[in-house]
Structure formats: structure tokens, C-alpha cells
Amino acid sequence: MALGFSLLSDYRTGRCRAFDYEGFWAGSLLLGVCLQVFAQRTRVAAADELFSLGLLVRVGELGLATIYPDDYSRVLE
């Protein structure tokens, strides 16, 4: 969870003009919470682990937006 909040504070905005940073984090947080609830109800895995998984499952997109902001922006457009 600390990793997620650290990423959120450092990457809330960026230089990739076509990347929706706010939407990315909103969707990641929503998926994390959904997986956490799923884990609590089904007990298939630890709830905190599935929360982290949901939060970070699309982190590659953030990586592309951070490392290649212009190129990735063209791809998104």
C-alpha cells in the first residue's frame, strides 16, 4: 500500500499529454479495492496482496508514459 501511495504522489501528472493520469489512478484504485473485496469474500488470496495487484496491474502504461512521453502520446492519439 505504501508503494502505491508513493507512486501516486510521484506520478500524479506527467509530460505525456495524451495519457490520462487521473483516470489511470482512479481506475487502478477502483480495481485494487474491487480485488480486495473479492479476496475478503472468497478467501482465494490475501486481501492486501490482491489490492496491490489491482493497483499495479497497469503500471506498464505509466512506465511508457513516463519514459517515452512523446512517442507514447502519439500511440495513444
PDB file of N, CA and C in Angstrom:
ATOM      1  N   MET A   1       0.817  -1.178   0.000  1.00  0.00           N
ATOM      2  CA  MET A   1       0.000   0.000   0.000  1.00  0.00           C
ATOM      3  C   MET A   1       0.869   1.254   0.000  1.00  0.00           C
ATOM      4  N   ALA A   2       1.952   1.215   0.748  1.00  0.00           N
ATOM      5  CA  ALA A   2       2.874   2.351   0.783  1.00  0.00           C
ATOM      6  C   ALA A   2       3.476   2.583  -0.598  1.00  0.00           C
ATOM      7  N   LEU A   3       3.782   1.506  -1.311  1.00  0.00           N
ATOM      8  CA  LEU A   3       4.304   1.629  -2.669  1.00  0.00           C
ATOM      9  C   LEU A   3       3.302   2.325  -3.580  1.00  0.00           C
ATOM     10  N   GLY A   4       2.054   1.944  -3.464  1.00  0.00           N
ATOM     11  CA  GLY A   4       1.015   2.560  -4.284  1.00  0.00           C
ATOM     12  C   GLY A   4       0.884   4.044  -4.026  1.00  0.00           C
ATOM     13  N   PHE A   5       0.876   4.446  -2.758  1.00  0.00           N
ATOM     14  CA  PHE A   5       0.757   5.861  -2.435  1.00  0.00           C
ATOM     15  C   PHE A   5       2.007   6.632  -2.837  1.00  0.00           C
ATOM     16  N   SER A   6       3.147   5.980  -2.761  1.00  0.00           N
ATOM     17  CA  SER A   6       4.378   6.624  -3.210  1.00  0.00           C
ATOM     18  C   SER A   6       4.332   6.879  -4.709  1.00  0.00           C
ATOM     19  N   LEU A   7       3.893   5.882  -5.461  1.00  0.00           N
ATOM     20  CA  LEU A   7       3.758   6.062  -6.909  1.00  0.00           C
ATOM     21  C   LEU A   7       2.746   7.148  -7.233  1.00  0.00           C
ATOM     22  N   LEU A   8       1.642   7.142  -6.532  1.00  0.00           N
ATOM     23  CA  LEU A   8       0.594   8.136  -6.768  1.00  0.00           C
ATOM     24  C   LEU A   8       1.100   9.550  -6.533  1.00  0.00           C
ATOM     25  N   SER A   9       1.841   9.744  -5.465  1.00  0.00           N
ATOM     26  CA  SER A   9       2.325  11.100  -5.175  1.00  0.00           C
ATOM     27  C   SER A   9       3.383  11.552  -6.170  1.00  0.00           C
ATOM     28  N   ASP A  10       4.191  10.619  -6.678  1.00  0.00           N
ATOM     29  CA  ASP A  10       5.251  10.975  -7.620  1.00  0.00           C
ATOM     30  C   ASP A  10       4.764  11.075  -9.065  1.00  0.00           C
ATOM     31  N   TYR A  11       3.707  10.366  -9.422  1.00  0.00           N
ATOM     32  CA  TYR A  11       3.266  10.295 -10.817  1.00  0.00           C
ATOM     33  C   TYR A  11       1.805  10.695 -10.995  1.00  0.00           C
ATOM     34  N   ARG A  12       1.378  11.705 -10.300  1.00  0.00           N
ATOM     35  CA  ARG A  12       0.003  12.185 -10.433  1.00  0.00           C
ATOM     36  C   ARG A  12      -0.197  12.922 -11.754  1.00  0.00           C
ATOM     37  N   THR A  13       0.849  13.537 -12.249  1.00  0.00           N
ATOM     38  CA  THR A  13       0.845  14.204 -13.554  1.00  0.00           C
ATOM     39  C   THR A  13       2.145  13.859 -14.251  1.00  0.00           C
ATOM     40  N   GLY A  14       2.219  14.215 -15.509  1.00  0.00           N
ATOM     41  CA  GLY A  14       3.444  13.933 -16.248  1.00  0.00           C
ATOM     42  C   GLY A  14       3.460  14.657 -17.576  1.00  0.00           C
ATOM     43  N   ARG A  15       4.467  14.342 -18.370  1.00  0.00           N
ATOM     44  CA  ARG A  15       4.675  15.034 -19.635  1.00  0.00           C
ATOM     45  C   ARG A  15       3.937  14.412 -20.807  1.00  0.00           C
ATOM     46  N   CYS A  16       3.390  13.226 -20.649  1.00  0.00           N
ATOM     47  CA  CYS A  16       2.678  12.563 -21.746  1.00  0.00           C
ATOM     48  C   CYS A  16       1.294  13.197 -21.865  1.00  0.00           C
ATOM     49  N   ARG A  17       1.112  14.043 -22.872  1.00  0.00           N
ATOM     50  CA  ARG A  17      -0.104  14.850 -22.977  1.00  0.00           C
ATOM     51  C   ARG A  17      -1.355  14.031 -23.279  1.00  0.00           C
ATOM     52  N   ALA A  18      -1.237  12.861 -23.884  1.00  0.00           N
ATOM     53  CA  ALA A  18      -2.414  12.056 -24.222  1.00  0.00           C
ATOM     54  C   ALA A  18      -2.755  11.023 -23.149  1.00  0.00           C
ATOM     55  N   PHE A  19      -1.920  10.908 -22.137  1.00  0.00           N
ATOM     56  CA  PHE A  19      -2.157   9.919 -21.081  1.00  0.00           C
ATOM     57  C   PHE A  19      -3.017  10.536 -19.992  1.00  0.00           C
ATOM     58  N   ASP A  20      -4.068   9.855 -19.625  1.00  0.00           N
ATOM     59  CA  ASP A  20      -4.997  10.330 -18.595  1.00  0.00           C
ATOM     60  C   ASP A  20      -4.502   9.863 -17.225  1.00  0.00           C
ATOM     61  N   TYR A  21      -3.675  10.672 -16.594  1.00  0.00           N
ATOM     62  CA  TYR A  21      -3.082  10.300 -15.311  1.00  0.00           C
ATOM     63  C   TYR A  21      -4.145  10.119 -14.229  1.00  0.00           C
ATOM     64  N   GLU A  22      -5.080  11.047 -14.145  1.00  0.00           N
ATOM     65  CA  GLU A  22      -6.134  10.953 -13.128  1.00  0.00           C
ATOM     66  C   GLU A  22      -7.002   9.716 -13.369  1.00  0.00           C
ATOM     67  N   GLY A  23      -7.358   9.475 -14.621  1.00  0.00           N
ATOM     68  CA  GLY A  23      -8.152   8.290 -14.950  1.00  0.00           C
ATOM     69  C   GLY A  23      -7.406   7.002 -14.669  1.00  0.00           C
ATOM     70  N   PHE A  24      -6.108   7.007 -14.939  1.00  0.00           N
ATOM     71  CA  PHE A  24      -5.276   5.839 -14.665  1.00  0.00           C
ATOM     72  C   PHE A  24      -5.317   5.497 -13.182  1.00  0.00           C
ATOM     73  N   TRP A  25      -5.101   6.513 -12.320  1.00  0.00           N
ATOM     74  CA  TRP A  25      -5.065   6.258 -10.884  1.00  0.00           C
ATOM     75  C   TRP A  25      -6.437   5.926 -10.333  1.00  0.00           C
ATOM     76  N   ALA A  26      -7.472   6.565 -10.859  1.00  0.00           N
ATOM     77  CA  ALA A  26      -8.832   6.251 -10.410  1.00  0.00           C
ATOM     78  C   ALA A  26      -9.182   4.809 -10.746  1.00  0.00           C
ATOM     79  N   GLY A  27      -8.858   4.390 -11.959  1.00  0.00           N
ATOM     80  CA  GLY A  27      -9.131   3.013 -12.366  1.00  0.00           C
ATOM     81  C   GLY A  27      -8.302   2.003 -11.589  1.00  0.00           C
ATOM     82  N   SER A  28      -7.053   2.334 -11.344  1.00  0.00           N
ATOM     83  CA  SER A  28      -6.180   1.430 -10.583  1.00  0.00           C
ATOM     84  C   SER A  28      -6.664   1.274  -9.150  1.00  0.00           C
ATOM     85  N   LEU A  29      -7.059   2.374  -8.543  1.00  0.00           N
ATOM     86  CA  LEU A  29      -7.569   2.310  -7.177  1.00  0.00           C
ATOM     87  C   LEU A  29      -8.878   1.531  -7.122  1.00  0.00           C
ATOM     88  N   LEU A  30      -9.755   1.761  -8.084  1.00  0.00           N
ATOM     89  CA  LEU A  30     -11.020   1.032  -8.135  1.00  0.00           C
ATOM     90  C   LEU A  30     -10.776  -0.469  -8.279  1.00  0.00           C
ATOM     91  N   LEU A  31      -9.880  -0.847  -9.175  1.00  0.00           N
ATOM     92  CA  LEU A  31      -9.579  -2.264  -9.356  1.00  0.00           C
ATOM     93  C   LEU A  31      -8.959  -2.860  -8.097  1.00  0.00           C
ATOM     94  N   GLY A  32      -8.084  -2.104  -7.450  1.00  0.00           N
ATOM     95  CA  GLY A  32      -7.471  -2.582  -6.211  1.00  0.00           C
ATOM     96  C   GLY A  32      -8.502  -2.845  -5.126  1.00  0.00           C
ATOM     97  N   VAL A  33      -9.429  -1.929  -4.957  1.00  0.00           N
ATOM     98  CA  VAL A  33     -10.469  -2.091  -3.940  1.00  0.00           C
ATOM     99  C   VAL A  33     -11.388  -3.253  -4.301  1.00  0.00           C
ATOM    100  N   CYS A  34     -11.741  -3.379  -5.582  1.00  0.00           N
ATOM    101  CA  CYS A  34     -12.600  -4.491  -6.009  1.00  0.00           C
ATOM    102  C   CYS A  34     -11.937  -5.836  -5.748  1.00  0.00           C
ATOM    103  N   LEU A  35     -10.666  -5.949  -6.067  1.00  0.00           N
ATOM    104  CA  LEU A  35      -9.962  -7.207  -5.817  1.00  0.00           C
ATOM    105  C   LEU A  35      -9.801  -7.479  -4.326  1.00  0.00           C
ATOM    106  N   GLN A  36      -9.644  -6.430  -3.547  1.00  0.00           N
ATOM    107  CA  GLN A  36      -9.547  -6.596  -2.095  1.00  0.00           C
ATOM    108  C   GLN A  36     -10.864  -7.157  -1.536  1.00  0.00           C
ATOM    109  N   VAL A  37     -11.972  -6.600  -1.960  1.00  0.00           N
ATOM    110  CA  VAL A  37     -13.279  -7.089  -1.509  1.00  0.00           C
ATOM    111  C   VAL A  37     -13.501  -8.515  -1.982  1.00  0.00           C
ATOM    112  N   PHE A  38     -13.135  -8.801  -3.222  1.00  0.00           N
ATOM    113  CA  PHE A  38     -13.254 -10.155  -3.764  1.00  0.00           C
ATOM    114  C   PHE A  38     -12.469 -11.145  -2.905  1.00  0.00           C
ATOM    115  N   ALA A  39     -11.251 -10.768  -2.544  1.00  0.00           N
ATOM    116  CA  ALA A  39     -10.414 -11.648  -1.718  1.00  0.00           C
ATOM    117  C   ALA A  39     -11.009 -11.847  -0.329  1.00  0.00           C
ATOM    118  N   GLN A  40     -11.572 -10.800   0.235  1.00  0.00           N
ATOM    119  CA  GLN A  40     -12.176 -10.915   1.558  1.00  0.00           C
ATOM    120  C   GLN A  40     -13.382 -11.843   1.546  1.00  0.00           C
ATOM    121  N   ARG A  41     -14.129 -11.821   0.464  1.00  0.00           N
ATOM    122  CA  ARG A  41     -15.341 -12.647   0.399  1.00  0.00           C
ATOM    123  C   ARG A  41     -15.070 -14.086  -0.015  1.00  0.00           C
ATOM    124  N   THR A  42     -14.077 -14.298  -0.860  1.00  0.00           N
ATOM    125  CA  THR A  42     -13.820 -15.647  -1.366  1.00  0.00           C
ATOM    126  C   THR A  42     -12.652 -16.341  -0.683  1.00  0.00           C
ATOM    127  N   ARG A  43     -11.782 -15.550  -0.062  1.00  0.00           N
ATOM    128  CA  ARG A  43     -10.586 -16.065   0.611  1.00  0.00           C
ATOM    129  C   ARG A  43      -9.667 -16.849  -0.329  1.00  0.00           C
ATOM    130  N   VAL A  44      -9.603 -16.439  -1.601  1.00  0.00           N
ATOM    131  CA  VAL A  44      -8.720 -17.101  -2.559  1.00  0.00           C
ATOM    132  C   VAL A  44      -7.275 -16.655  -2.415  1.00  0.00           C
ATOM    133  N   ALA A  45      -7.075 -15.487  -1.828  1.00  0.00           N
ATOM    134  CA  ALA A  45      -5.729 -14.951  -1.617  1.00  0.00           C
ATOM    135  C   ALA A  45      -5.822 -13.884  -0.535  1.00  0.00           C
ATOM    136  N   ALA A  46      -4.672 -13.428  -0.112  1.00  0.00           N
ATOM    137  CA  ALA A  46      -4.640 -12.368   0.899  1.00  0.00           C
ATOM    138  C   ALA A  46      -5.187 -11.072   0.290  1.00  0.00           C
ATOM    139  N   ALA A  47      -6.064 -10.414   1.020  1.00  0.00           N
ATOM    140  CA  ALA A  47      -6.723  -9.212   0.521  1.00  0.00           C
ATOM    141  C   ALA A  47      -5.726  -8.100   0.203  1.00  0.00           C
ATOM    142  N   ASP A  48      -4.707  -7.931   1.023  1.00  0.00           N
ATOM    143  CA  ASP A  48      -3.734  -6.868   0.759  1.00  0.00           C
ATOM    144  C   ASP A  48      -2.892  -7.157  -0.483  1.00  0.00           C
ATOM    145  N   GLU A  49      -2.638  -8.431  -0.754  1.00  0.00           N
ATOM    146  CA  GLU A  49      -1.892  -8.785  -1.955  1.00  0.00           C
ATOM    147  C   GLU A  49      -2.712  -8.506  -3.209  1.00  0.00           C
ATOM    148  N   LEU A  50      -3.988  -8.845  -3.183  1.00  0.00           N
ATOM    149  CA  LEU A  50      -4.825  -8.579  -4.354  1.00  0.00           C
ATOM    150  C   LEU A  50      -5.066  -7.081  -4.525  1.00  0.00           C
ATOM    151  N   PHE A  51      -5.121  -6.316  -3.440  1.00  0.00           N
ATOM    152  CA  PHE A  51      -5.217  -4.874  -3.557  1.00  0.00           C
ATOM    153  C   PHE A  51      -4.001  -4.329  -4.298  1.00  0.00           C
ATOM    154  N   SER A  52      -2.821  -4.767  -3.892  1.00  0.00           N
ATOM    155  CA  SER A  52      -1.590  -4.321  -4.551  1.00  0.00           C
ATOM    156  C   SER A  52      -1.566  -4.730  -6.014  1.00  0.00           C
ATOM    157  N   LEU A  53      -2.012  -5.932  -6.298  1.00  0.00           N
ATOM    158  CA  LEU A  53      -2.061  -6.402  -7.677  1.00  0.00           C
ATOM    159  C   LEU A  53      -2.975  -5.514  -8.512  1.00  0.00           C
ATOM    160  N   GLY A  54      -4.156  -5.222  -8.008  1.00  0.00           N
ATOM    161  CA  GLY A  54      -5.084  -4.368  -8.738  1.00  0.00           C
ATOM    162  C   GLY A  54      -4.540  -2.971  -8.945  1.00  0.00           C
ATOM    163  N   LEU A  55      -3.854  -2.461  -7.942  1.00  0.00           N
ATOM    164  CA  LEU A  55      -3.292  -1.120  -8.023  1.00  0.00           C
ATOM    165  C   LEU A  55      -2.186  -1.032  -9.069  1.00  0.00           C
ATOM    166  N   LEU A  56      -1.421  -2.093  -9.223  1.00  0.00           N
ATOM    167  CA  LEU A  56      -0.228  -2.044 -10.066  1.00  0.00           C
ATOM    168  C   LEU A  56      -0.336  -2.824 -11.371  1.00  0.00           C
ATOM    169  N   VAL A  57      -1.487  -3.410 -11.671  1.00  0.00           N
ATOM    170  CA  VAL A  57      -1.596  -4.277 -12.838  1.00  0.00           C
ATOM    171  C   VAL A  57      -1.309  -3.539 -14.155  1.00  0.00           C
ATOM    172  N   ARG A  58      -1.601  -2.250 -14.212  1.00  0.00           N
ATOM    173  CA  ARG A  58      -1.383  -1.479 -15.438  1.00  0.00           C
ATOM    174  C   ARG A  58      -0.188  -0.538 -15.327  1.00  0.00           C
ATOM    175  N   VAL A  59       0.734  -0.814 -14.426  1.00  0.00           N
ATOM    176  CA  VAL A  59       1.857   0.085 -14.179  1.00  0.00           C
ATOM    177  C   VAL A  59       2.753   0.223 -15.414  1.00  0.00           C
ATOM    178  N   GLY A  60       2.719  -0.739 -16.311  1.00  0.00           N
ATOM    179  CA  GLY A  60       3.493  -0.637 -17.546  1.00  0.00           C
ATOM    180  C   GLY A  60       3.072   0.552 -18.392  1.00  0.00           C
ATOM    181  N   GLU A  61       1.778   0.858 -18.392  1.00  0.00           N
ATOM    182  CA  GLU A  61       1.289   2.031 -19.122  1.00  0.00           C
ATOM    183  C   GLU A  61       1.883   3.309 -18.538  1.00  0.00           C
ATOM    184  N   LEU A  62       1.934   3.388 -17.226  1.00  0.00           N
ATOM    185  CA  LEU A  62       2.529   4.545 -16.571  1.00  0.00           C
ATOM    186  C   LEU A  62       4.019   4.630 -16.900  1.00  0.00           C
ATOM    187  N   GLY A  63       4.669   3.476 -16.956  1.00  0.00           N
ATOM    188  CA  GLY A  63       6.083   3.442 -17.315  1.00  0.00           C
ATOM    189  C   GLY A  63       6.320   3.984 -18.717  1.00  0.00           C
ATOM    190  N   LEU A  64       5.497   3.576 -19.666  1.00  0.00           N
ATOM    191  CA  LEU A  64       5.642   4.075 -21.032  1.00  0.00           C
ATOM    192  C   LEU A  64       5.390   5.579 -21.104  1.00  0.00           C
ATOM    193  N   ALA A  65       4.383   6.051 -20.392  1.00  0.00           N
ATOM    194  CA  ALA A  65       4.071   7.483 -20.385  1.00  0.00           C
ATOM    195  C   ALA A  65       5.196   8.292 -19.746  1.00  0.00           C
ATOM    196  N   THR A  66       5.911   7.685 -18.816  1.00  0.00           N
ATOM    197  CA  THR A  66       6.989   8.380 -18.118  1.00  0.00           C
ATOM    198  C   THR A  66       8.290   8.362 -18.914  1.00  0.00           C
ATOM    199  N   ILE A  67       8.635   7.209 -19.470  1.00  0.00           N
ATOM    200  CA  ILE A  67       9.920   7.065 -20.161  1.00  0.00           C
ATOM    201  C   ILE A  67       9.876   7.603 -21.586  1.00  0.00           C
ATOM    202  N   TYR A  68       8.751   7.386 -22.274  1.00  0.00           N
ATOM    203  CA  TYR A  68       8.605   7.812 -23.667  1.00  0.00           C
ATOM    204  C   TYR A  68       7.356   8.696 -23.832  1.00  0.00           C
ATOM    205  N   PRO A  69       7.320   9.848 -23.200  1.00  0.00           N
ATOM    206  CA  PRO A  69       6.082  10.641 -23.201  1.00  0.00           C
ATOM    207  C   PRO A  69       5.615  11.059 -24.595  1.00  0.00           C
ATOM    208  N   ASP A  70       6.514  11.467 -25.457  1.00  0.00           N
ATOM    209  CA  ASP A  70       6.107  11.920 -26.788  1.00  0.00           C
ATOM    210  C   ASP A  70       5.676  10.758 -27.669  1.00  0.00           C
ATOM    211  N   ASP A  71       6.475   9.698 -27.702  1.00  0.00           N
ATOM    212  CA  ASP A  71       6.150   8.528 -28.515  1.00  0.00           C
ATOM    213  C   ASP A  71       4.863   7.861 -28.046  1.00  0.00           C
ATOM    214  N   TYR A  72       4.716   7.704 -26.739  1.00  0.00           N
ATOM    215  CA  TYR A  72       3.515   7.054 -26.213  1.00  0.00           C
ATOM    216  C   TYR A  72       2.275   7.921 -26.428  1.00  0.00           C
ATOM    217  N   SER A  73       2.450   9.209 -26.386  1.00  0.00           N
ATOM    218  CA  SER A  73       1.337  10.120 -26.657  1.00  0.00           C
ATOM    219  C   SER A  73       0.849   9.936 -28.096  1.00  0.00           C
ATOM    220  N   ARG A  74       1.778   9.788 -29.027  1.00  0.00           N
ATOM    221  CA  ARG A  74       1.391   9.551 -30.432  1.00  0.00           C
ATOM    222  C   ARG A  74       0.667   8.222 -30.578  1.00  0.00           C
ATOM    223  N   VAL A  75       1.109   7.205 -29.861  1.00  0.00           N
ATOM    224  CA  VAL A  75       0.439   5.903 -29.899  1.00  0.00           C
ATOM    225  C   VAL A  75      -0.984   6.028 -29.375  1.00  0.00           C
ATOM    226  N   LEU A  76      -1.162   6.730 -28.280  1.00  0.00           N
ATOM    227  CA  LEU A  76      -2.478   6.884 -27.685  1.00  0.00           C
ATOM    228  C   LEU A  76      -3.425   7.708 -28.570  1.00  0.00           C
ATOM    229  N   GLU A  77      -2.853   8.685 -29.260  1.00  0.00           N
ATOM    230  CA  GLU A  77      -3.685   9.507 -30.133  1.00  0.00           C
ATOM    231  C   GLU A  77      -4.072   8.740 -31.373  1.00  0.00           C
TER     232      GLU A  77
END
